[in-house]
C-alpha atoms as a PDB file:
ATOM      1  CA  MET A   1      39.675 -26.636 -16.082  1.00  0.00           C
ATOM      2  CA  ASN A   2      39.203 -23.343 -17.875  1.00  0.00           C
ATOM      3  CA  LEU A   3      36.558 -24.895 -20.127  1.00  0.00           C
ATOM      4  CA  LEU A   4      34.592 -26.124 -17.089  1.00  0.00           C
ATOM      5  CA  THR A   5      34.708 -22.671 -15.479  1.00  0.00           C
ATOM      6  CA  ASN A   6      33.428 -20.998 -18.663  1.00  0.00           C
ATOM      7  CA  THR A   7      30.559 -23.488 -18.955  1.00  0.00           C
ATOM      8  CA  LEU A   8      29.503 -22.968 -15.342  1.00  0.00           C
ATOM      9  CA  HIS A   9      29.801 -19.224 -15.770  1.00  0.00           C
ATOM     10  CA  ARG A  10      27.544 -19.298 -18.862  1.00  0.00           C
ATOM     11  CA  ARG A  11      24.943 -21.483 -17.126  1.00  0.00           C
ATOM     12  CA  TRP A  12      24.825 -19.190 -14.094  1.00  0.00           C
ATOM     13  CA  SER A  13      24.569 -16.148 -16.371  1.00  0.00           C
ATOM     14  CA  CYS A  14      21.664 -17.690 -18.290  1.00  0.00           C
ATOM     15  CA  LEU A  15      19.936 -18.715 -15.079  1.00  0.00           C
ATOM     16  CA  LEU A  16      20.288 -15.226 -13.584  1.00  0.00           C
ATOM     17  CA  LEU A  17      19.043 -13.650 -16.819  1.00  0.00           C
ATOM     18  CA  ILE A  18      15.955 -15.896 -16.851  1.00  0.00           C
ATOM     19  CA  ILE A  19      15.224 -15.140 -13.183  1.00  0.00           C
ATOM     20  CA  ALA A  20      15.588 -11.397 -13.758  1.00  0.00           C
ATOM     21  CA  PHE A  21      13.317 -11.537 -16.803  1.00  0.00           C
ATOM     22  CA  MET A  22      10.618 -13.570 -15.010  1.00  0.00           C
ATOM     23  CA  SER A  23      10.592 -11.369 -11.903  1.00  0.00           C
ATOM     24  CA  GLY A  24      10.344  -8.252 -14.073  1.00  0.00           C
ATOM     25  CA  PHE A  25       7.429  -9.780 -15.965  1.00  0.00           C
ATOM     26  CA  GLN A  26       5.670 -10.652 -12.705  1.00  0.00           C
ATOM     27  CA  MET A  27       6.061  -7.097 -11.342  1.00  0.00           C
ATOM     28  CA  PHE A  28       4.713  -5.683 -14.627  1.00  0.00           C
ATOM     29  CA  ALA A  29       1.677  -7.973 -14.480  1.00  0.00           C
ATOM     30  CA  GLN A  30       0.920  -6.925 -10.894  1.00  0.00           C
ATOM     31  CA  SER A  31       1.189  -3.230 -11.681  1.00  0.00           C
ATOM     32  CA  VAL A  32      -1.118  -3.544 -14.700  1.00  0.00           C
ATOM     33  CA  GLY A  33      -3.733  -5.425 -12.676  1.00  0.00           C
ATOM     34  CA  ALA A  34      -3.634  -2.909  -9.831  1.00  0.00           C
ATOM     35  CA  SER A  35      -4.123   0.121 -12.081  1.00  0.00           C
ATOM     36  CA  ASN A  36      -7.219  -1.363 -13.721  1.00  0.00           C
ATOM     37  CA  GLN A  37      -9.271  -1.243 -10.511  1.00  0.00           C
ATOM     38  CA  LEU A  38     -10.427   1.931  -8.787  1.00  0.00           C
ATOM     39  CA  THR A  39     -12.182   2.102  -5.439  1.00  0.00           C
ATOM     40  CA  GLY A  40     -13.613   5.123  -3.711  1.00  0.00           C
ATOM     41  CA  ARG A  41     -16.302   6.703  -1.575  1.00  0.00           C
ATOM     42  CA  VAL A  42     -18.919   9.336  -2.309  1.00  0.00           C
ATOM     43  CA  LEU A  43     -19.819  11.644   0.578  1.00  0.00           C
ATOM     44  CA  ASP A  44     -21.958  14.746   0.997  1.00  0.00           C
ATOM     45  CA  GLU A  45     -20.822  18.078   2.455  1.00  0.00           C
ATOM     46  CA  TYR A  46     -21.328  16.720   5.985  1.00  0.00           C
ATOM     47  CA  ASP A  47     -19.169  13.584   5.386  1.00  0.00           C
ATOM     48  CA  GLN A  48     -22.239  11.340   5.228  1.00  0.00           C
ATOM     49  CA  PRO A  49     -22.222   8.546   2.609  1.00  0.00           C
ATOM     50  CA  ILE A  50     -24.440   8.998  -0.433  1.00  0.00           C
ATOM     51  CA  ILE A  51     -26.228   5.734  -1.140  1.00  0.00           C
ATOM     52  CA  GLY A  52     -27.001   4.995  -4.796  1.00  0.00           C
ATOM     53  CA  ALA A  53     -24.848   7.718  -6.378  1.00  0.00           C
ATOM     54  CA  VAL A  54     -23.934   6.929  -9.989  1.00  0.00           C
ATOM     55  CA  VAL A  55     -20.207   6.610 -10.738  1.00  0.00           C
ATOM     56  CA  LYS A  56     -19.511   6.354 -14.481  1.00  0.00           C
ATOM     57  CA  VAL A  57     -16.369   6.394 -16.618  1.00  0.00           C
ATOM     58  CA  SER A  58     -16.754   9.171 -19.216  1.00  0.00           C
ATOM     59  CA  GLY A  59     -17.186   7.981 -22.774  1.00  0.00           C
ATOM     60  CA  THR A  60     -17.699   4.316 -21.836  1.00  0.00           C
ATOM     61  CA  SER A  61     -20.454   2.045 -20.590  1.00  0.00           C
ATOM     62  CA  ILE A  62     -18.500   1.282 -17.395  1.00  0.00           C
ATOM     63  CA  GLY A  63     -20.331   2.422 -14.295  1.00  0.00           C
ATOM     64  CA  ARG A  64     -21.486   1.476 -10.818  1.00  0.00           C
ATOM     65  CA  SER A  65     -23.649   2.828  -8.033  1.00  0.00           C
ATOM     66  CA  THR A  66     -22.492   3.326  -4.471  1.00  0.00           C
ATOM     67  CA  ASP A  67     -23.415   0.956  -1.651  1.00  0.00           C
ATOM     68  CA  ALA A  68     -24.745   1.728   1.852  1.00  0.00           C
ATOM     69  CA  ASP A  69     -21.350   3.126   2.890  1.00  0.00           C
ATOM     70  CA  GLY A  70     -21.045   5.294  -0.223  1.00  0.00           C
ATOM     71  CA  ALA A  71     -18.303   2.970  -1.504  1.00  0.00           C
ATOM     72  CA  PHE A  72     -17.778   1.804  -5.082  1.00  0.00           C
ATOM     73  CA  THR A  73     -15.347  -0.316  -7.097  1.00  0.00           C
ATOM     74  CA  VAL A  74     -14.842   0.097 -10.826  1.00  0.00           C
ATOM     75  CA  LYS A  75     -12.834  -2.539 -12.695  1.00  0.00           C
ATOM     76  CA  ASP A  76     -11.119  -2.380 -16.097  1.00  0.00           C
ATOM     77  CA  ILE A  77     -10.701   1.378 -15.967  1.00  0.00           C
ATOM     78  CA  PRO A  78      -8.108   3.140 -18.148  1.00  0.00           C
ATOM     79  CA  ALA A  79      -5.396   5.001 -16.220  1.00  0.00           C
ATOM     80  CA  ASN A  80      -6.219   8.322 -17.925  1.00  0.00           C
ATOM     81  CA  ALA A  81     -10.016   8.023 -17.527  1.00  0.00           C
ATOM     82  CA  THR A  82     -12.374  10.631 -16.073  1.00  0.00           C
ATOM     83  CA  LEU A  83     -15.109   9.704 -13.606  1.00  0.00           C
ATOM     84  CA  GLU A  84     -18.523  11.345 -13.640  1.00  0.00           C
ATOM     85  CA  VAL A  85     -20.276  11.205 -10.267  1.00  0.00           C
ATOM     86  CA  SER A  86     -23.912  12.286  -9.962  1.00  0.00           C
ATOM     87  CA  TYR A  87     -26.897  12.032  -7.654  1.00  0.00           C
ATOM     88  CA  VAL A  88     -30.314  13.733  -7.603  1.00  0.00           C
ATOM     89  CA  GLY A  89     -30.161  17.000  -5.672  1.00  0.00           C
ATOM     90  CA  TYR A  90     -26.363  17.298  -5.964  1.00  0.00           C
ATOM     91  CA  GLU A  91     -24.046  18.911  -8.498  1.00  0.00           C
ATOM     92  CA  LYS A  92     -22.446  16.500 -10.978  1.00  0.00           C
ATOM     93  CA  GLN A  93     -18.648  16.213 -10.707  1.00  0.00           C
ATOM     94  CA  SER A  94     -15.983  15.103 -13.176  1.00  0.00           C
ATOM     95  CA  ILE A  95     -12.830  13.700 -11.594  1.00  0.00           C
ATOM     96  CA  PRO A  96      -9.653  12.700 -13.501  1.00  0.00           C
ATOM     97  CA  VAL A  97      -8.350   9.306 -12.366  1.00  0.00           C
ATOM     98  CA  ASN A  98      -4.664   9.888 -13.286  1.00  0.00           C
ATOM     99  CA  GLY A  99      -3.704   6.315 -12.354  1.00  0.00           C
ATOM    100  CA  LYS A 100      -5.051   6.543  -8.779  1.00  0.00           C
ATOM    101  CA  ASN A 101      -6.315   3.468  -6.919  1.00  0.00           C
ATOM    102  CA  PHE A 102      -8.637   5.349  -4.517  1.00  0.00           C
ATOM    103  CA  VAL A 103     -10.801   8.452  -4.959  1.00  0.00           C
ATOM    104  CA  LEU A 104     -12.760  10.368  -2.305  1.00  0.00           C
ATOM    105  CA  VAL A 105     -15.615  12.378  -3.826  1.00  0.00           C
ATOM    106  CA  LYS A 106     -17.552  15.071  -1.947  1.00  0.00           C
ATOM    107  CA  LEU A 107     -20.728  16.179  -3.707  1.00  0.00           C
ATOM    108  CA  LYS A 108     -22.251  19.612  -3.093  1.00  0.00           C
ATOM    109  CA  GLU A 109     -25.987  20.174  -2.842  1.00  0.00           C
ATOM    110  CA  SER A 110     -27.617  21.903  -5.786  1.00  0.00           C
ATOM    111  CA  ASN A 111     -30.679  24.066  -5.300  1.00  0.00           C
ATOM    112  CA  GLN A 112     -31.318  24.232  -9.038  1.00  0.00           C
ATOM    113  CA  LEU A 113     -31.980  20.505  -9.347  1.00  0.00           C
ATOM    114  CA  LEU A 114     -34.730  20.734  -6.748  1.00  0.00           C
ATOM    115  CA  ASN A 115     -36.824  22.660  -9.289  1.00  0.00           C
ATOM    116  CA  GLU A 116     -37.015  19.533 -11.439  1.00  0.00           C
ATOM    117  CA  VAL A 117     -39.388  17.765  -9.062  1.00  0.00           C
ATOM    118  CA  VAL A 118     -42.851  17.298 -10.562  1.00  0.00           C
ATOM    119  CA  VAL A 119     -45.779  16.245  -8.411  1.00  0.00           C
ATOM    120  CA  VAL A 120     -48.602  14.393 -10.095  1.00  0.00           C
ATOM    121  CA  GLY A 121     -51.644  13.323  -8.187  1.00  0.00           C
ATOM    122  CA  TYR A 122     -55.110  12.091  -8.986  1.00  0.00           C
ATOM    123  CA  GLY A 123     -57.750   9.896  -7.443  1.00  0.00           C
ATOM    124  CA  THR A 124     -58.555   9.430  -3.792  1.00  0.00           C
ATOM    125  CA  GLN A 125     -56.801   7.476  -1.084  1.00  0.00           C
ATOM    126  CA  LYS A 126     -57.023   7.336   2.670  1.00  0.00           C
ATOM    127  CA  LYS A 127     -54.051   8.930   4.429  1.00  0.00           C
ATOM    128  CA  VAL A 128     -53.471   5.628   6.240  1.00  0.00           C
ATOM    129  CA  ASN A 129     -52.717   3.854   2.931  1.00  0.00           C
ATOM    130  CA  LEU A 130     -50.200   6.441   1.692  1.00  0.00           C
ATOM    131  CA  THR A 131     -46.460   6.642   2.049  1.00  0.00           C
ATOM    132  CA  GLY A 132     -44.760  10.038   1.888  1.00  0.00           C
ATOM    133  CA  ALA A 133     -46.064  13.558   2.169  1.00  0.00           C
ATOM    134  CA  VAL A 134     -49.708  14.466   1.656  1.00  0.00           C
ATOM    135  CA  GLY A 135     -50.962  17.936   0.894  1.00  0.00           C
ATOM    136  CA  THR A 136     -54.438  19.188   0.079  1.00  0.00           C
ATOM    137  CA  ILE A 137     -55.540  22.262  -1.828  1.00  0.00           C
ATOM    138  CA  SER A 138     -58.975  23.474  -2.737  1.00  0.00           C
ATOM    139  CA  ALA A 139     -60.277  24.551  -6.130  1.00  0.00           C
ATOM    140  CA  LYS A 140     -60.571  28.108  -4.788  1.00  0.00           C
ATOM    141  CA  MET A 141     -56.766  28.226  -4.646  1.00  0.00           C
ATOM    142  CA  VAL A 142     -56.207  26.697  -8.078  1.00  0.00           C
ATOM    143  CA  VAL A 143     -58.745  28.562 -10.238  1.00  0.00           C
ATOM    144  CA  PRO A 144     -57.351  32.105  -9.743  1.00  0.00           C
ATOM    145  CA  LYS A 145     -53.804  30.919 -10.494  1.00  0.00           C
ATOM    146  CA  PHE A 146     -55.069  29.040 -13.557  1.00  0.00           C
ATOM    147  CA  ARG A 147     -56.876  32.110 -14.884  1.00  0.00           C
ATOM    148  CA  GLU A 148     -53.831  34.282 -14.234  1.00  0.00           C
ATOM    149  CA  ALA A 149     -51.494  31.884 -15.997  1.00  0.00           C
ATOM    150  CA  PHE A 150     -53.719  31.519 -19.070  1.00  0.00           C
ATOM    151  CA  ALA A 151     -54.895  35.116 -19.396  1.00  0.00           C
ATOM    152  CA  PRO A 152     -54.642  36.401 -23.011  1.00  0.00           C
ATOM    153  CA  GLY A 153     -51.588  38.568 -22.246  1.00  0.00           C
ATOM    154  CA  ASN A 154     -49.666  35.674 -20.682  1.00  0.00           C
ATOM    155  CA  TRP A 155     -49.872  33.160 -23.524  1.00  0.00           C
ATOM    156  CA  PRO A 156     -46.572  31.860 -24.839  1.00  0.00           C
ATOM    157  CA  ILE A 157     -45.946  32.625 -28.481  1.00  0.00           C
END
């Protein structure tokens, strides 16, 4: 009788050990999968979504752009990664992930980036066929500024 009790006790012990090991492995697999995906939203100062903002993991080629709601999802991201979020006309931000699953990013407007806009125009079009803003200037306005800019004392060395 004692031999039968020991055998049953060993079998139950082995079975419980296997169950404990398998459930621990399953929990580990779920936690690893969850930490590899990061979702978030990119908003402006007025809590409006920024469509098309670039969200990139620093030092890698992993990156996405935001959708119409300002939302993004980045997969296969290291837990200690840093996100770089940028958009034209806004200051670039670096955000440490620190194992988070969700990040809310608020970008601030940058007046300095607005100076990077270059307008190039040539040819003639009817205003009806154009999209965007149209401005007209005459040669009388351009020539004095041109002469002032390229006067002998103003030449770059």
